[in-house]
Amino acid sequence: MSASILQTQDRFSGCAITLPDLRDRWLGFIHRHLMPYHLGSGAATHRDFAMEAEGRSVDDWSIIRITTTAGKGQLMRDRKQIAADFRERYIMYISLRDSIEFEQFGRKSRCEAGTATLLSSSDPLVHSKFGDNDTIGLGIPREFVDQRLMGVERRCLTPISVGDGLGRLMAESLLSLQRNAAKMSDDEFVKAAHPLADLVLLAFAGQADVTTSSTCVRTSNLARAKRLIREQLSDPDLRLEDIARACGFSLSYLHKLFRDDGRTAREYVNEERLQKAHLLLKSGRAVSVTNVALECGFSNMSHFSTAFRAAFGLSPRDVLSKRWS
């Protein structure tokens, strides 16, 4: 199992290190362990800005704790950062001190101290802090979430309390993993992160949504349909009727599964094709834009380029030639 591990315990002030250097360390740490951002207006401009951070990452699993002091800050994630990032994950934040405001999916939500919120790394995001913060973050692979929870995008930006009950158990477990992560092997860390992520999803879904057998069946059926679609993305004639038949249920039931998940089945196919194309273009293994388009099931090059630019803010050729970097 490959690993990318960073342990930092940094305490700097404007007197000990230049502010731009400290900001770069802050951004670099978040990039390595969660996802790339760029600085928004007024971010980390105070001369007494300081940071303490610790993180552990193995493959697409990660856990961090970041404490920042002195003032407001804003991080932004746009299509350029998304296009430059191989990882597709959901990030769960817990605010232990002060509040954080997030904006995503056209919604805005305040995560107060003692609450947690869930975000998607695959969609543009604005992350604003208003003062001194102490934050815990957990990165969970998208596939892990998709196999367990339907309609996860609808649950993003909906803060939940971590003061008691299931939320408190989740927060205490997360803090325990964060404190002990550095002493674990890669395999131990991932195995410990799995049940914790299940606990996170249970807390955000609510018991009524995850304990019924019908919900478990629907989630399993949706995961199977998604897997079959991903396996057949290169087929430009991919038919949803065939996917439903291979899964053993009707086309109308397939459409209902995807509607309950927050998008249509056809939208899912197009999004997965574009994500696959982006990964191939960025991997360095792509021979040409045309070959990538065909491998991802696009037979119309003009349609492919238009859809790709709408999704990532860059043309396929820009990504292939690395002009985005």
C-alpha atoms as a PDB file:
ATOM      1  CA  MET A   1       0.000   0.000   0.000  1.00  0.00           C
ATOM      2  CA  SER A   2       1.439   3.348  -0.987  1.00  0.00           C
ATOM      3  CA  ALA A   3       1.579   6.095   1.616  1.00  0.00           C
ATOM      4  CA  SER A   4       2.057   9.822   1.717  1.00  0.00           C
ATOM      5  CA  ILE A   5       2.719  10.738   5.331  1.00  0.00           C
ATOM      6  CA  LEU A   6       3.380  14.163   6.781  1.00  0.00           C
ATOM      7  CA  GLN A   7       3.819  14.956  10.447  1.00  0.00           C
ATOM      8  CA  THR A   8       4.191  18.617  11.366  1.00  0.00           C
ATOM      9  CA  GLN A   9       4.224  20.491  14.629  1.00  0.00           C
ATOM     10  CA  ASP A  10       4.736  24.095  13.549  1.00  0.00           C
ATOM     11  CA  ARG A  11       4.470  27.209  15.688  1.00  0.00           C
ATOM     12  CA  PHE A  12       5.483  30.335  13.879  1.00  0.00           C
ATOM     13  CA  SER A  13       4.760  34.038  14.210  1.00  0.00           C
ATOM     14  CA  GLY A  14       5.358  36.903  11.882  1.00  0.00           C
ATOM     15  CA  CYS A  15       8.674  37.523  13.637  1.00  0.00           C
ATOM     16  CA  ALA A  16       9.972  33.981  13.233  1.00  0.00           C
ATOM     17  CA  ILE A  17       9.115  33.401   9.590  1.00  0.00           C
ATOM     18  CA  THR A  18       7.844  35.560   6.763  1.00  0.00           C
ATOM     19  CA  LEU A  19       4.089  35.542   6.396  1.00  0.00           C
ATOM     20  CA  PRO A  20       4.126  34.339   2.769  1.00  0.00           C
ATOM     21  CA  ASP A  21       6.283  31.344   3.781  1.00  0.00           C
ATOM     22  CA  LEU A  22       3.918  30.464   6.594  1.00  0.00           C
ATOM     23  CA  ARG A  23       0.905  30.739   4.298  1.00  0.00           C
ATOM     24  CA  ASP A  24       2.631  28.458   1.796  1.00  0.00           C
ATOM     25  CA  ARG A  25       3.236  25.873   4.529  1.00  0.00           C
ATOM     26  CA  TRP A  26      -0.389  26.115   5.603  1.00  0.00           C
ATOM     27  CA  LEU A  27      -1.682  25.664   2.047  1.00  0.00           C
ATOM     28  CA  GLY A  28       0.803  22.888   1.328  1.00  0.00           C
ATOM     29  CA  PHE A  29      -0.260  20.956   4.404  1.00  0.00           C
ATOM     30  CA  ILE A  30      -3.969  21.220   3.507  1.00  0.00           C
ATOM     31  CA  HIS A  31      -3.208  20.287  -0.105  1.00  0.00           C
ATOM     32  CA  ARG A  32      -1.302  17.135   0.862  1.00  0.00           C
ATOM     33  CA  HIS A  33      -3.800  15.878   3.393  1.00  0.00           C
ATOM     34  CA  LEU A  34      -7.197  17.130   2.194  1.00  0.00           C
ATOM     35  CA  MET A  35      -7.430  18.985  -1.109  1.00  0.00           C
ATOM     36  CA  PRO A  36      -5.861  21.920  -2.993  1.00  0.00           C
ATOM     37  CA  TYR A  37      -7.140  25.435  -2.266  1.00  0.00           C
ATOM     38  CA  HIS A  38      -6.014  28.921  -3.181  1.00  0.00           C
ATOM     39  CA  LEU A  39      -6.177  31.944  -0.911  1.00  0.00           C
ATOM     40  CA  GLY A  40      -9.193  34.191  -1.086  1.00  0.00           C
ATOM     41  CA  SER A  41      -9.414  37.822  -0.069  1.00  0.00           C
ATOM     42  CA  GLY A  42      -7.890  38.712   3.287  1.00  0.00           C
ATOM     43  CA  ALA A  43      -6.677  35.190   4.031  1.00  0.00           C
ATOM     44  CA  ALA A  44      -3.970  34.897   6.686  1.00  0.00           C
ATOM     45  CA  THR A  45      -2.824  38.518   6.339  1.00  0.00           C
ATOM     46  CA  HIS A  46      -2.429  39.347  10.030  1.00  0.00           C
ATOM     47  CA  ARG A  47       1.209  39.719  11.105  1.00  0.00           C
ATOM     48  CA  ASP A  48       0.622  37.451  14.123  1.00  0.00           C
ATOM     49  CA  PHE A  49      -0.855  34.632  12.064  1.00  0.00           C
ATOM     50  CA  ALA A  50       0.330  31.305  13.485  1.00  0.00           C
ATOM     51  CA  MET A  51      -0.412  27.671  12.840  1.00  0.00           C
ATOM     52  CA  GLU A  52      -0.049  24.292  14.476  1.00  0.00           C
ATOM     53  CA  ALA A  53      -0.860  21.294  12.309  1.00  0.00           C
ATOM     54  CA  GLU A  54      -0.613  17.526  12.374  1.00  0.00           C
ATOM     55  CA  GLY A  55      -1.774  15.073   9.750  1.00  0.00           C
ATOM     56  CA  ARG A  56      -1.584  11.525   8.488  1.00  0.00           C
ATOM     57  CA  SER A  57      -2.522  10.264   5.030  1.00  0.00           C
ATOM     58  CA  VAL A  58      -2.498   6.815   3.481  1.00  0.00           C
ATOM     59  CA  ASP A  59      -3.814   6.585  -0.059  1.00  0.00           C
ATOM     60  CA  ASP A  60      -7.131   8.487  -0.082  1.00  0.00           C
ATOM     61  CA  TRP A  61      -7.647   8.255   3.689  1.00  0.00           C
ATOM     62  CA  SER A  62      -6.469  11.141   5.835  1.00  0.00           C
ATOM     63  CA  ILE A  63      -6.898  12.781   9.193  1.00  0.00           C
ATOM     64  CA  ILE A  64      -5.705  16.224  10.272  1.00  0.00           C
ATOM     65  CA  ARG A  65      -5.880  18.695  13.102  1.00  0.00           C
ATOM     66  CA  ILE A  66      -5.132  22.356  12.410  1.00  0.00           C
ATOM     67  CA  THR A  67      -5.062  25.233  14.885  1.00  0.00           C
ATOM     68  CA  THR A  68      -4.731  28.742  13.472  1.00  0.00           C
ATOM     69  CA  THR A  69      -4.631  32.040  15.319  1.00  0.00           C
ATOM     70  CA  ALA A  70      -4.908  35.715  14.510  1.00  0.00           C
ATOM     71  CA  GLY A  71      -7.661  36.737  12.248  1.00  0.00           C
ATOM     72  CA  LYS A  72      -9.844  36.015   9.307  1.00  0.00           C
ATOM     73  CA  GLY A  73      -8.993  33.810   6.364  1.00  0.00           C
ATOM     74  CA  GLN A  74     -10.603  32.467   3.248  1.00  0.00           C
ATOM     75  CA  LEU A  75      -9.730  29.430   1.158  1.00  0.00           C
ATOM     76  CA  MET A  76     -11.271  28.806  -2.240  1.00  0.00           C
ATOM     77  CA  ARG A  77     -11.430  25.691  -4.389  1.00  0.00           C
ATOM     78  CA  ASP A  78     -12.455  26.194  -7.992  1.00  0.00           C
ATOM     79  CA  ARG A  79     -12.503  24.058 -11.125  1.00  0.00           C
ATOM     80  CA  LYS A  80      -8.762  24.575 -11.625  1.00  0.00           C
ATOM     81  CA  GLN A  81      -7.932  23.016  -8.255  1.00  0.00           C
ATOM     82  CA  ILE A  82     -10.434  20.212  -8.854  1.00  0.00           C
ATOM     83  CA  ALA A  83      -8.919  19.453 -12.267  1.00  0.00           C
ATOM     84  CA  ALA A  84      -5.428  19.272 -10.712  1.00  0.00           C
ATOM     85  CA  ASP A  85      -6.483  16.825  -7.987  1.00  0.00           C
ATOM     86  CA  PHE A  86      -6.623  13.053  -8.534  1.00  0.00           C
ATOM     87  CA  ARG A  87      -8.500  12.412  -5.305  1.00  0.00           C
ATOM     88  CA  GLU A  88     -12.283  12.197  -5.156  1.00  0.00           C
ATOM     89  CA  ARG A  89     -13.335  12.340  -1.537  1.00  0.00           C
ATOM     90  CA  TYR A  90     -15.709  13.665   1.026  1.00  0.00           C
ATOM     91  CA  ILE A  91     -14.217  15.716   3.826  1.00  0.00           C
ATOM     92  CA  MET A  92     -15.760  15.845   7.284  1.00  0.00           C
ATOM     93  CA  TYR A  93     -14.816  18.842   9.432  1.00  0.00           C
ATOM     94  CA  ILE A  94     -15.393  19.297  13.142  1.00  0.00           C
ATOM     95  CA  SER A  95     -14.973  22.807  14.534  1.00  0.00           C
ATOM     96  CA  LEU A  96     -13.638  22.675  18.102  1.00  0.00           C
ATOM     97  CA  ARG A  97     -13.253  26.444  18.450  1.00  0.00           C
ATOM     98  CA  ASP A  98     -14.981  29.412  16.820  1.00  0.00           C
ATOM     99  CA  SER A  99     -16.910  28.963  13.575  1.00  0.00           C
ATOM    100  CA  ILE A 100     -16.197  28.192   9.935  1.00  0.00           C
ATOM    101  CA  GLU A 101     -18.433  29.104   7.011  1.00  0.00           C
ATOM    102  CA  PHE A 102     -18.651  26.900   3.927  1.00  0.00           C
ATOM    103  CA  GLU A 103     -20.279  27.610   0.572  1.00  0.00           C
ATOM    104  CA  GLN A 104     -20.910  24.756  -1.883  1.00  0.00           C
ATOM    105  CA  PHE A 105     -23.712  23.453  -4.142  1.00  0.00           C
ATOM    106  CA  GLY A 106     -25.115  26.994  -4.182  1.00  0.00           C
ATOM    107  CA  ARG A 107     -25.677  26.853  -0.422  1.00  0.00           C
ATOM    108  CA  LYS A 108     -23.950  28.535   2.497  1.00  0.00           C
ATOM    109  CA  SER A 109     -23.642  27.042   5.975  1.00  0.00           C
ATOM    110  CA  ARG A 110     -21.975  28.043   9.247  1.00  0.00           C
ATOM    111  CA  CYS A 111     -20.204  25.287  11.191  1.00  0.00           C
ATOM    112  CA  GLU A 112     -20.145  26.578  14.763  1.00  0.00           C
ATOM    113  CA  ALA A 113     -17.863  25.273  17.511  1.00  0.00           C
ATOM    114  CA  GLY A 114     -19.119  21.873  18.606  1.00  0.00           C
ATOM    115  CA  THR A 115     -20.591  20.976  15.226  1.00  0.00           C
ATOM    116  CA  ALA A 116     -19.462  18.936  12.221  1.00  0.00           C
ATOM    117  CA  THR A 117     -20.158  19.283   8.515  1.00  0.00           C
ATOM    118  CA  LEU A 118     -19.544  17.226   5.386  1.00  0.00           C
ATOM    119  CA  LEU A 119     -18.107  18.560   2.091  1.00  0.00           C
ATOM    120  CA  SER A 120     -17.372  17.222  -1.392  1.00  0.00           C
ATOM    121  CA  SER A 121     -13.907  17.587  -2.937  1.00  0.00           C
ATOM    122  CA  SER A 122     -15.412  17.299  -6.440  1.00  0.00           C
ATOM    123  CA  ASP A 123     -17.330  20.592  -6.375  1.00  0.00           C
ATOM    124  CA  PRO A 124     -16.242  24.241  -6.022  1.00  0.00           C
ATOM    125  CA  LEU A 125     -15.986  25.398  -2.422  1.00  0.00           C
ATOM    126  CA  VAL A 126     -15.418  28.544  -0.372  1.00  0.00           C
ATOM    127  CA  HIS A 127     -14.068  27.999   3.158  1.00  0.00           C
ATOM    128  CA  SER A 128     -14.036  31.059   5.442  1.00  0.00           C
ATOM    129  CA  LYS A 129     -12.676  31.425   8.984  1.00  0.00           C
ATOM    130  CA  PHE A 130     -13.461  34.421  11.187  1.00  0.00           C
ATOM    131  CA  GLY A 131     -10.957  34.148  14.018  1.00  0.00           C
ATOM    132  CA  ASP A 132      -8.902  31.591  15.930  1.00  0.00           C
ATOM    133  CA  ASN A 133      -9.797  28.039  14.947  1.00  0.00           C
ATOM    134  CA  ASP A 134      -9.165  24.489  16.053  1.00  0.00           C
ATOM    135  CA  THR A 135     -10.366  22.019  13.423  1.00  0.00           C
ATOM    136  CA  ILE A 136     -10.354  18.266  12.912  1.00  0.00           C
ATOM    137  CA  GLY A 137     -10.742  16.869   9.389  1.00  0.00           C
ATOM    138  CA  LEU A 138     -11.275  13.367   8.012  1.00  0.00           C
ATOM    139  CA  GLY A 139     -10.857  12.526   4.320  1.00  0.00           C
ATOM    140  CA  ILE A 140     -12.991   9.594   3.117  1.00  0.00           C
ATOM    141  CA  PRO A 141     -12.761   8.112  -0.417  1.00  0.00           C
ATOM    142  CA  ARG A 142     -15.804   8.817  -2.553  1.00  0.00           C
ATOM    143  CA  GLU A 143     -16.282   5.135  -3.468  1.00  0.00           C
ATOM    144  CA  PHE A 144     -16.455   4.183   0.219  1.00  0.00           C
ATOM    145  CA  VAL A 145     -19.233   6.734   0.765  1.00  0.00           C
ATOM    146  CA  ASP A 146     -21.143   5.889  -2.423  1.00  0.00           C
ATOM    147  CA  GLN A 147     -21.379   2.245  -1.382  1.00  0.00           C
ATOM    148  CA  ARG A 148     -22.945   3.112   1.958  1.00  0.00           C
ATOM    149  CA  LEU A 149     -25.061   6.245   1.716  1.00  0.00           C
ATOM    150  CA  MET A 150     -27.563   7.510  -0.837  1.00  0.00           C
ATOM    151  CA  GLY A 151     -28.050  11.191  -1.636  1.00  0.00           C
ATOM    152  CA  VAL A 152     -24.863  12.204   0.140  1.00  0.00           C
ATOM    153  CA  GLU A 153     -24.683  15.586  -1.629  1.00  0.00           C
ATOM    154  CA  ARG A 154     -27.954  16.576   0.051  1.00  0.00           C
ATOM    155  CA  ARG A 155     -26.358  15.932   3.430  1.00  0.00           C
ATOM    156  CA  CYS A 156     -23.337  18.114   2.710  1.00  0.00           C
ATOM    157  CA  LEU A 157     -23.294  21.520   4.433  1.00  0.00           C
ATOM    158  CA  THR A 158     -25.823  20.341   7.010  1.00  0.00           C
ATOM    159  CA  PRO A 159     -24.085  20.771  10.385  1.00  0.00           C
ATOM    160  CA  ILE A 160     -24.701  18.222  13.122  1.00  0.00           C
ATOM    161  CA  SER A 161     -23.955  18.556  16.829  1.00  0.00           C
ATOM    162  CA  VAL A 162     -21.033  16.667  18.352  1.00  0.00           C
ATOM    163  CA  GLY A 163     -22.001  17.586  21.901  1.00  0.00           C
ATOM    164  CA  ASP A 164     -23.839  14.397  22.801  1.00  0.00           C
ATOM    165  CA  GLY A 165     -25.098  11.044  21.562  1.00  0.00           C
ATOM    166  CA  LEU A 166     -23.824   9.668  18.277  1.00  0.00           C
ATOM    167  CA  GLY A 167     -22.163  12.962  17.320  1.00  0.00           C
ATOM    168  CA  ARG A 168     -20.098  12.995  20.486  1.00  0.00           C
ATOM    169  CA  LEU A 169     -19.038   9.366  20.001  1.00  0.00           C
ATOM    170  CA  MET A 170     -17.962  10.250  16.457  1.00  0.00           C
ATOM    171  CA  ALA A 171     -15.943  13.281  17.613  1.00  0.00           C
ATOM    172  CA  GLU A 172     -14.235  11.432  20.468  1.00  0.00           C
ATOM    173  CA  SER A 173     -13.332   8.541  18.158  1.00  0.00           C
ATOM    174  CA  LEU A 174     -11.947  10.973  15.577  1.00  0.00           C
ATOM    175  CA  LEU A 175      -9.813  12.731  18.180  1.00  0.00           C
ATOM    176  CA  SER A 176      -8.491   9.386  19.405  1.00  0.00           C
ATOM    177  CA  LEU A 177      -7.504   8.320  15.889  1.00  0.00           C
ATOM    178  CA  GLN A 178      -5.847  11.674  15.252  1.00  0.00           C
ATOM    179  CA  ARG A 179      -3.767  11.439  18.442  1.00  0.00           C
ATOM    180  CA  ASN A 180      -2.633   7.883  17.689  1.00  0.00           C
ATOM    181  CA  ALA A 181      -2.314   7.941  13.882  1.00  0.00           C
ATOM    182  CA  ALA A 182       1.426   8.659  13.873  1.00  0.00           C
ATOM    183  CA  LYS A 183       2.117   5.454  15.812  1.00  0.00           C
ATOM    184  CA  MET A 184       0.154   3.214  13.438  1.00  0.00           C
ATOM    185  CA  SER A 185       1.341   1.280  10.425  1.00  0.00           C
ATOM    186  CA  ASP A 186      -0.284   2.154   7.085  1.00  0.00           C
ATOM    187  CA  ASP A 187      -2.468  -0.954   7.268  1.00  0.00           C
ATOM    188  CA  GLU A 188      -3.508  -0.243  10.861  1.00  0.00           C
ATOM    189  CA  PHE A 189      -4.395   3.344  10.009  1.00  0.00           C
ATOM    190  CA  VAL A 190      -6.651   2.401   7.080  1.00  0.00           C
ATOM    191  CA  LYS A 191      -8.319  -0.412   9.029  1.00  0.00           C
ATOM    192  CA  ALA A 192      -9.017   1.997  11.903  1.00  0.00           C
ATOM    193  CA  ALA A 193     -10.322   4.680   9.534  1.00  0.00           C
ATOM    194  CA  HIS A 194     -12.955   2.385   7.977  1.00  0.00           C
ATOM    195  CA  PRO A 195     -15.194   1.905  11.043  1.00  0.00           C
ATOM    196  CA  LEU A 196     -14.718   5.548  11.973  1.00  0.00           C
ATOM    197  CA  ALA A 197     -15.947   6.588   8.521  1.00  0.00           C
ATOM    198  CA  ASP A 198     -18.950   4.284   8.948  1.00  0.00           C
ATOM    199  CA  LEU A 199     -19.677   6.066  12.222  1.00  0.00           C
ATOM    200  CA  VAL A 200     -19.395   9.447  10.487  1.00  0.00           C
ATOM    201  CA  LEU A 201     -21.882   8.408   7.788  1.00  0.00           C
ATOM    202  CA  LEU A 202     -24.253   7.026  10.400  1.00  0.00           C
ATOM    203  CA  ALA A 203     -24.140  10.331  12.281  1.00  0.00           C
ATOM    204  CA  PHE A 204     -24.839  12.395   9.162  1.00  0.00           C
ATOM    205  CA  ALA A 205     -27.478  10.082   7.735  1.00  0.00           C
ATOM    206  CA  GLY A 206     -29.467   9.700  10.943  1.00  0.00           C
ATOM    207  CA  GLN A 207     -30.406   6.344  12.392  1.00  0.00           C
ATOM    208  CA  ALA A 208     -33.774   6.188  10.676  1.00  0.00           C
ATOM    209  CA  ASP A 209     -32.094   6.391   7.270  1.00  0.00           C
ATOM    210  CA  VAL A 210     -29.492   3.688   7.696  1.00  0.00           C
ATOM    211  CA  THR A 211     -30.981   0.979   9.869  1.00  0.00           C
ATOM    212  CA  THR A 212     -33.881  -0.175   7.691  1.00  0.00           C
ATOM    213  CA  SER A 213     -33.288  -3.168   5.455  1.00  0.00           C
ATOM    214  CA  SER A 214     -34.915  -1.386   2.487  1.00  0.00           C
ATOM    215  CA  THR A 215     -32.336   1.421   2.652  1.00  0.00           C
ATOM    216  CA  CYS A 216     -29.498  -1.097   2.801  1.00  0.00           C
ATOM    217  CA  VAL A 217     -30.898  -2.878  -0.254  1.00  0.00           C
ATOM    218  CA  ARG A 218     -31.289   0.367  -2.221  1.00  0.00           C
ATOM    219  CA  THR A 219     -27.762   1.473  -1.339  1.00  0.00           C
ATOM    220  CA  SER A 220     -26.363  -1.897  -2.391  1.00  0.00           C
ATOM    221  CA  ASN A 221     -28.343  -1.847  -5.652  1.00  0.00           C
ATOM    222  CA  LEU A 222     -27.182   1.666  -6.465  1.00  0.00           C
ATOM    223  CA  ALA A 223     -23.537   0.774  -5.767  1.00  0.00           C
ATOM    224  CA  ARG A 224     -23.852  -2.261  -8.092  1.00  0.00           C
ATOM    225  CA  ALA A 225     -25.384  -0.145 -10.868  1.00  0.00           C
ATOM    226  CA  LYS A 226     -22.646   2.466 -10.529  1.00  0.00           C
ATOM    227  CA  ARG A 227     -19.957  -0.199 -10.685  1.00  0.00           C
ATOM    228  CA  LEU A 228     -21.414  -1.680 -13.890  1.00  0.00           C
ATOM    229  CA  ILE A 229     -21.666   1.777 -15.447  1.00  0.00           C
ATOM    230  CA  ARG A 230     -18.034   2.545 -14.614  1.00  0.00           C
ATOM    231  CA  GLU A 231     -16.974  -0.759 -16.184  1.00  0.00           C
ATOM    232  CA  GLN A 232     -18.721   0.150 -19.457  1.00  0.00           C
ATOM    233  CA  LEU A 233     -17.870   3.847 -19.772  1.00  0.00           C
ATOM    234  CA  SER A 234     -15.830   3.268 -22.932  1.00  0.00           C
ATOM    235  CA  ASP A 235     -18.931   2.037 -24.784  1.00  0.00           C
ATOM    236  CA  PRO A 236     -20.507   5.042 -26.561  1.00  0.00           C
ATOM    237  CA  ASP A 237     -23.700   3.007 -26.930  1.00  0.00           C
ATOM    238  CA  LEU A 238     -23.999   2.228 -23.206  1.00  0.00           C
ATOM    239  CA  ARG A 239     -27.689   1.657 -22.533  1.00  0.00           C
ATOM    240  CA  LEU A 240     -29.279   2.136 -19.150  1.00  0.00           C
ATOM    241  CA  GLU A 241     -31.752  -0.606 -20.005  1.00  0.00           C
ATOM    242  CA  ASP A 242     -28.845  -3.052 -20.212  1.00  0.00           C
ATOM    243  CA  ILE A 243     -27.453  -1.859 -16.878  1.00  0.00           C
ATOM    244  CA  ALA A 244     -30.814  -2.360 -15.188  1.00  0.00           C
ATOM    245  CA  ARG A 245     -31.215  -5.811 -16.745  1.00  0.00           C
ATOM    246  CA  ALA A 246     -27.698  -6.858 -15.624  1.00  0.00           C
ATOM    247  CA  CYS A 247     -28.565  -5.739 -12.086  1.00  0.00           C
ATOM    248  CA  GLY A 248     -31.825  -7.661 -12.138  1.00  0.00           C
ATOM    249  CA  PHE A 249     -34.265  -4.798 -11.788  1.00  0.00           C
ATOM    250  CA  SER A 250     -36.418  -2.551 -13.971  1.00  0.00           C
ATOM    251  CA  LEU A 251     -35.327   0.598 -15.771  1.00  0.00           C
ATOM    252  CA  SER A 252     -37.806   2.693 -13.770  1.00  0.00           C
ATOM    253  CA  TYR A 253     -36.312   1.378 -10.517  1.00  0.00           C
ATOM    254  CA  LEU A 254     -32.826   2.263 -11.783  1.00  0.00           C
ATOM    255  CA  HIS A 255     -33.960   5.821 -12.526  1.00  0.00           C
ATOM    256  CA  LYS A 256     -35.537   6.066  -9.065  1.00  0.00           C
ATOM    257  CA  LEU A 257     -32.312   4.925  -7.384  1.00  0.00           C
ATOM    258  CA  PHE A 258     -30.361   7.695  -9.081  1.00  0.00           C
ATOM    259  CA  ARG A 259     -33.023  10.349  -8.453  1.00  0.00           C
ATOM    260  CA  ASP A 260     -32.934   9.433  -4.759  1.00  0.00           C
ATOM    261  CA  ASP A 261     -29.163   9.847  -4.931  1.00  0.00           C
ATOM    262  CA  GLY A 262     -29.549  13.419  -6.177  1.00  0.00           C
ATOM    263  CA  ARG A 263     -28.971  13.150  -9.929  1.00  0.00           C
ATOM    264  CA  THR A 264     -30.271  11.324 -12.979  1.00  0.00           C
ATOM    265  CA  ALA A 265     -28.648   8.131 -14.221  1.00  0.00           C
ATOM    266  CA  ARG A 266     -27.625   9.883 -17.444  1.00  0.00           C
ATOM    267  CA  GLU A 267     -26.014  12.710 -15.466  1.00  0.00           C
ATOM    268  CA  TYR A 268     -24.031  10.118 -13.512  1.00  0.00           C
ATOM    269  CA  VAL A 269     -22.808   8.491 -16.747  1.00  0.00           C
ATOM    270  CA  ASN A 270     -21.660  11.843 -18.144  1.00  0.00           C
ATOM    271  CA  GLU A 271     -19.966  12.887 -14.901  1.00  0.00           C
ATOM    272  CA  GLU A 272     -18.093   9.586 -14.648  1.00  0.00           C
ATOM    273  CA  ARG A 273     -16.968   9.784 -18.265  1.00  0.00           C
ATOM    274  CA  LEU A 274     -15.631  13.282 -17.724  1.00  0.00           C
ATOM    275  CA  GLN A 275     -13.879  12.320 -14.492  1.00  0.00           C
ATOM    276  CA  LYS A 276     -12.262   9.335 -16.194  1.00  0.00           C
ATOM    277  CA  ALA A 277     -11.161  11.543 -19.099  1.00  0.00           C
ATOM    278  CA  HIS A 278      -9.638  14.060 -16.710  1.00  0.00           C
ATOM    279  CA  LEU A 279      -7.687  11.357 -14.880  1.00  0.00           C
ATOM    280  CA  LEU A 280      -6.378   9.893 -18.147  1.00  0.00           C
ATOM    281  CA  LEU A 281      -5.334  13.300 -19.484  1.00  0.00           C
ATOM    282  CA  LYS A 282      -3.529  14.169 -16.279  1.00  0.00           C
ATOM    283  CA  SER A 283      -1.904  10.760 -15.762  1.00  0.00           C
ATOM    284  CA  GLY A 284       0.713  11.295 -18.468  1.00  0.00           C
ATOM    285  CA  ARG A 285      -0.379   8.076 -20.216  1.00  0.00           C
ATOM    286  CA  ALA A 286      -2.733   9.784 -22.654  1.00  0.00           C
ATOM    287  CA  VAL A 287      -1.593   9.764 -26.289  1.00  0.00           C
ATOM    288  CA  SER A 288      -4.065  12.313 -27.573  1.00  0.00           C
ATOM    289  CA  VAL A 289      -7.297  14.062 -26.659  1.00  0.00           C
ATOM    290  CA  THR A 290      -9.119  12.066 -29.340  1.00  0.00           C
ATOM    291  CA  ASN A 291      -7.953   8.728 -27.923  1.00  0.00           C
ATOM    292  CA  VAL A 292      -9.018   9.749 -24.411  1.00  0.00           C
ATOM    293  CA  ALA A 293     -12.423  10.879 -25.620  1.00  0.00           C
ATOM    294  CA  LEU A 294     -13.021   7.593 -27.417  1.00  0.00           C
ATOM    295  CA  GLU A 295     -11.814   5.550 -24.433  1.00  0.00           C
ATOM    296  CA  CYS A 296     -14.333   7.374 -22.252  1.00  0.00           C
ATOM    297  CA  GLY A 297     -17.279   6.808 -24.579  1.00  0.00           C
ATOM    298  CA  PHE A 298     -17.378  10.183 -26.366  1.00  0.00           C
ATOM    299  CA  SER A 299     -17.802   9.856 -30.124  1.00  0.00           C
ATOM    300  CA  ASN A 300     -18.336  13.580 -30.754  1.00  0.00           C
ATOM    301  CA  MET A 301     -15.133  15.565 -30.125  1.00  0.00           C
ATOM    302  CA  SER A 302     -16.872  18.923 -30.059  1.00  0.00           C
ATOM    303  CA  HIS A 303     -19.376  17.730 -27.470  1.00  0.00           C
ATOM    304  CA  PHE A 304     -16.539  16.243 -25.408  1.00  0.00           C
ATOM    305  CA  SER A 305     -14.524  19.475 -25.385  1.00  0.00           C
ATOM    306  CA  THR A 306     -17.564  21.595 -24.508  1.00  0.00           C
ATOM    307  CA  ALA A 307     -18.653  19.300 -21.680  1.00  0.00           C
ATOM    308  CA  PHE A 308     -15.109  18.987 -20.334  1.00  0.00           C
ATOM    309  CA  ARG A 309     -14.599  22.751 -20.201  1.00  0.00           C
ATOM    310  CA  ALA A 310     -17.967  23.222 -18.503  1.00  0.00           C
ATOM    311  CA  ALA A 311     -17.016  20.658 -15.856  1.00  0.00           C
ATOM    312  CA  PHE A 312     -13.404  21.675 -15.152  1.00  0.00           C
ATOM    313  CA  GLY A 313     -12.973  25.207 -16.499  1.00  0.00           C
ATOM    314  CA  LEU A 314     -10.188  23.991 -18.803  1.00  0.00           C
ATOM    315  CA  SER A 315     -10.068  22.376 -22.227  1.00  0.00           C
ATOM    316  CA  PRO A 316      -8.896  18.758 -22.568  1.00  0.00           C
ATOM    317  CA  ARG A 317      -5.856  19.978 -24.487  1.00  0.00           C
ATOM    318  CA  ASP A 318      -4.961  22.361 -21.651  1.00  0.00           C
ATOM    319  CA  VAL A 319      -4.866  19.463 -19.206  1.00  0.00           C
ATOM    320  CA  LEU A 320      -2.934  17.210 -21.596  1.00  0.00           C
ATOM    321  CA  SER A 321      -0.279  19.852 -22.203  1.00  0.00           C
ATOM    322  CA  LYS A 322      -0.202  20.771 -18.475  1.00  0.00           C
ATOM    323  CA  ARG A 323      -0.801  24.462 -19.178  1.00  0.00           C
ATOM    324  CA  TRP A 324      -3.042  24.476 -16.065  1.00  0.00           C
ATOM    325  CA  SER A 325      -0.030  24.071 -13.735  1.00  0.00           C
END
